[in-house]
Protein backbone atom coordinates (compact mmCIF):
# COMPACT_ATOMS: atom_id res chain seq x y z
CA MET A 1 -19.10 -5.96 4.58
CA SER A 2 -19.05 -2.66 6.37
CA ALA A 3 -21.31 0.26 5.50
CA LYS A 4 -20.41 2.03 2.28
CA LYS A 5 -22.11 4.31 -0.19
CA PRO A 6 -25.24 2.80 -1.83
CA GLY A 7 -24.54 -0.07 -4.22
CA ALA A 8 -20.95 -0.72 -3.11
CA GLU A 9 -21.87 -3.53 -0.73
CA ASP A 10 -23.13 -5.80 -3.48
CA ALA A 11 -20.47 -4.96 -6.05
CA PHE A 12 -18.49 -8.15 -5.32
CA LYS A 13 -21.56 -10.39 -5.23
CA ARG A 14 -22.49 -10.00 -8.89
CA GLU A 15 -21.07 -12.71 -11.07
CA ASP A 16 -19.88 -11.64 -14.47
CA LEU A 17 -21.54 -14.36 -16.52
CA SER A 18 -20.11 -13.13 -19.79
CA MET A 19 -16.60 -13.96 -18.57
CA SER A 20 -17.54 -17.47 -17.42
CA ALA A 21 -19.78 -18.45 -20.33
CA LYS A 22 -18.87 -21.51 -22.37
CA LYS A 23 -16.67 -20.69 -25.34
CA PRO A 24 -18.19 -21.40 -28.76
CA ASP A 25 -16.99 -24.40 -30.72
CA ALA A 26 -14.24 -23.76 -33.26
CA ASP A 27 -16.63 -24.92 -36.01
CA ASP A 28 -19.21 -22.29 -35.04
CA LYS A 29 -18.55 -19.48 -37.54
CA LYS A 30 -21.53 -17.31 -36.54
CA ALA A 31 -20.76 -13.65 -35.95
CA THR A 32 -21.35 -12.42 -32.42
CA THR A 33 -23.62 -9.42 -32.07
CA VAL A 34 -23.20 -7.24 -29.00
CA VAL A 35 -26.29 -5.32 -27.96
CA ALA A 36 -25.67 -2.26 -25.76
CA ASN A 37 -28.57 -2.59 -23.31
CA GLY A 38 -28.75 -0.71 -20.05
CA LEU A 39 -26.68 2.30 -21.04
CA ASP A 40 -29.46 4.39 -19.58
CA GLY A 41 -29.05 2.48 -16.30
CA PRO A 42 -27.69 3.67 -12.96
CA LYS A 43 -25.95 7.01 -13.24
CA GLY A 44 -22.84 7.58 -11.21
CA ALA A 45 -23.76 6.49 -7.68
CA LEU A 46 -20.48 4.53 -7.69
CA LYS A 47 -18.42 7.04 -9.71
CA HIS A 48 -16.22 7.59 -6.65
CA ILE A 49 -15.13 3.94 -6.99
CA GLY A 50 -14.64 3.37 -10.73
CA GLY A 51 -14.67 6.83 -12.26
CA SER A 52 -17.62 6.26 -14.58
CA GLN A 53 -21.09 7.77 -14.78
CA ASN A 54 -22.29 4.22 -15.61
CA ASP A 55 -22.51 2.04 -12.51
CA ASP A 56 -22.42 -1.19 -14.53
CA TRP A 57 -18.87 -0.14 -15.47
CA ASN A 58 -18.02 0.70 -11.86
CA LYS A 59 -19.36 -2.63 -10.56
CA THR A 60 -17.48 -4.55 -13.25
CA LEU A 61 -14.26 -2.73 -12.36
CA VAL A 62 -14.74 -3.55 -8.66
CA ASN A 63 -15.40 -7.21 -9.50
CA GLN A 64 -12.31 -7.40 -11.70
CA THR A 65 -10.17 -5.80 -9.02
CA GLY A 66 -11.58 -8.12 -6.37
CA ARG A 67 -10.67 -11.15 -8.46
CA THR A 68 -6.99 -10.17 -8.14
CA LEU A 69 -7.10 -10.96 -4.41
CA TRP A 70 -5.62 -14.19 -3.08
CA LEU A 71 -8.56 -15.57 -1.08
CA LYS A 72 -7.72 -19.27 -0.87
CA ASN A 73 -6.75 -19.22 2.82
CA SER A 74 -9.13 -16.43 3.90
CA ASP A 75 -12.10 -17.04 6.19
CA ASN A 76 -15.32 -15.06 5.61
CA ASP A 77 -14.34 -12.16 7.90
CA THR A 78 -10.89 -11.84 6.33
CA ARG A 79 -12.39 -12.08 2.83
CA ASP A 80 -14.86 -9.28 3.65
CA GLN A 81 -12.00 -7.19 5.03
CA GLN A 82 -10.00 -7.75 1.83
CA TYR A 83 -12.98 -6.75 -0.32
CA ASP A 84 -13.60 -3.66 1.82
CA ALA A 85 -9.92 -2.70 1.59
CA THR A 86 -9.99 -3.12 -2.19
CA ILE A 87 -13.02 -0.84 -2.51
CA ALA A 88 -11.37 1.63 -0.11
CA GLY A 89 -8.23 1.52 -2.26
CA LEU A 90 -10.19 2.37 -5.39
CA ILE A 91 -11.98 5.18 -3.56
CA GLY A 92 -8.68 6.46 -2.15
CA ILE A 93 -7.06 6.54 -5.57
CA GLY A 94 -10.11 8.52 -6.70
CA PRO A 95 -10.46 7.80 -10.41
CA LYS A 96 -12.06 10.70 -12.28
CA ASP A 97 -12.97 8.76 -15.44
CA GLU A 98 -12.93 5.24 -16.89
CA ILE A 99 -9.25 5.35 -17.89
CA GLU A 100 -8.22 6.32 -14.39
CA GLY A 101 -10.53 3.60 -13.06
CA MET A 102 -8.71 1.02 -15.18
CA ILE A 103 -5.33 2.33 -14.05
CA ALA A 104 -6.44 2.19 -10.40
CA ALA A 105 -7.67 -1.39 -10.82
CA GLN A 106 -4.41 -2.42 -12.50
CA LEU A 107 -2.40 -0.72 -9.78
CA LEU A 108 -4.24 -2.69 -7.09
CA GLY A 109 -4.05 -5.89 -9.13
CA ALA A 110 -0.30 -5.54 -9.63
CA HIS A 111 0.11 -4.73 -5.94
CA ASN A 112 -1.90 -7.82 -4.95
CA ALA A 113 0.10 -10.05 -7.29
CA ALA A 114 3.43 -8.65 -6.13
CA MET A 115 2.52 -9.03 -2.46
CA GLU A 116 1.47 -12.64 -3.07
CA CYS A 117 4.83 -13.29 -4.75
CA TYR A 118 6.62 -11.79 -1.75
CA CYS A 119 4.55 -13.94 0.63
CA ARG A 120 5.44 -17.05 -1.32
CA ALA A 121 9.08 -16.02 -1.30
CA MET A 122 9.02 -15.79 2.50
CA ASN A 123 7.85 -19.38 2.90
CA GLY A 124 10.50 -21.00 5.09
CA GLU A 125 10.42 -24.22 3.07
CA GLN A 126 11.32 -22.52 -0.21
CA THR A 127 14.52 -23.45 -1.96
CA PHE A 128 16.79 -20.56 -2.87
CA ARG A 129 15.89 -20.96 -6.54
CA ARG A 130 12.13 -20.70 -5.82
CA LEU A 131 12.75 -17.75 -3.50
CA GLN A 132 14.74 -16.02 -6.22
CA SER A 133 12.03 -16.79 -8.79
CA ALA A 134 9.20 -15.43 -6.59
CA CYS A 135 11.12 -12.23 -5.87
CA PHE A 136 11.94 -11.79 -9.55
CA GLU A 137 8.27 -12.25 -10.49
CA ALA A 138 7.14 -9.64 -7.94
CA GLN A 139 9.80 -7.20 -9.11
CA SER A 140 8.90 -7.78 -12.75
CA ARG A 141 5.21 -7.05 -12.15
CA LEU A 142 5.97 -3.84 -10.31
CA ILE A 143 8.47 -2.66 -12.92
CA ARG A 144 5.88 -3.12 -15.67
CA LEU A 145 3.41 -1.03 -13.71
CA LEU A 146 5.99 1.68 -13.02
CA ILE A 147 6.86 1.83 -16.72
CA PHE A 148 3.18 2.34 -17.48
CA PHE A 149 2.88 5.19 -14.99
CA ARG A 150 6.08 6.78 -16.28
CA LYS A 151 4.64 6.66 -19.78
CA TYR A 152 1.37 8.29 -18.68
CA PRO A 153 2.32 10.60 -15.77
CA GLN A 154 -0.58 13.00 -16.40
CA ARG A 155 -2.94 10.28 -15.08
CA LEU A 156 -1.30 10.51 -11.65
CA ASP A 157 -2.21 14.20 -11.15
């Protein structure tokens, strides 16, 4: 990855183990206790990326946004470029708090999904029905995002 502000270069390398952990058995009726450790951790070095004073939040947001990328056919250089562009997109949107960070991540995620639908639609071997379906899916994702931003326009200022 290219040079960025401190901490940004490893934001995509951290695996979110809580999301990939094995789900408990249906018979396991134990209550889950969440312990809020590390809230006194890193303070805002990555606020320009995720909008939070807590860099664990910012790193998680970057990881979540990065997982919306279609990387299946990307080599290492292209993958790094996509990650860098995603971080640059979050920085460019400039979230000021956690809510704006979530909105920025969803905006990029919806954009990535829509663009992938358009790419699939442009496949020369597609039938008309699959082309129509891919275009409809891309349009549907973007419309949902636009409805959200219309509902909360103050977050775009």
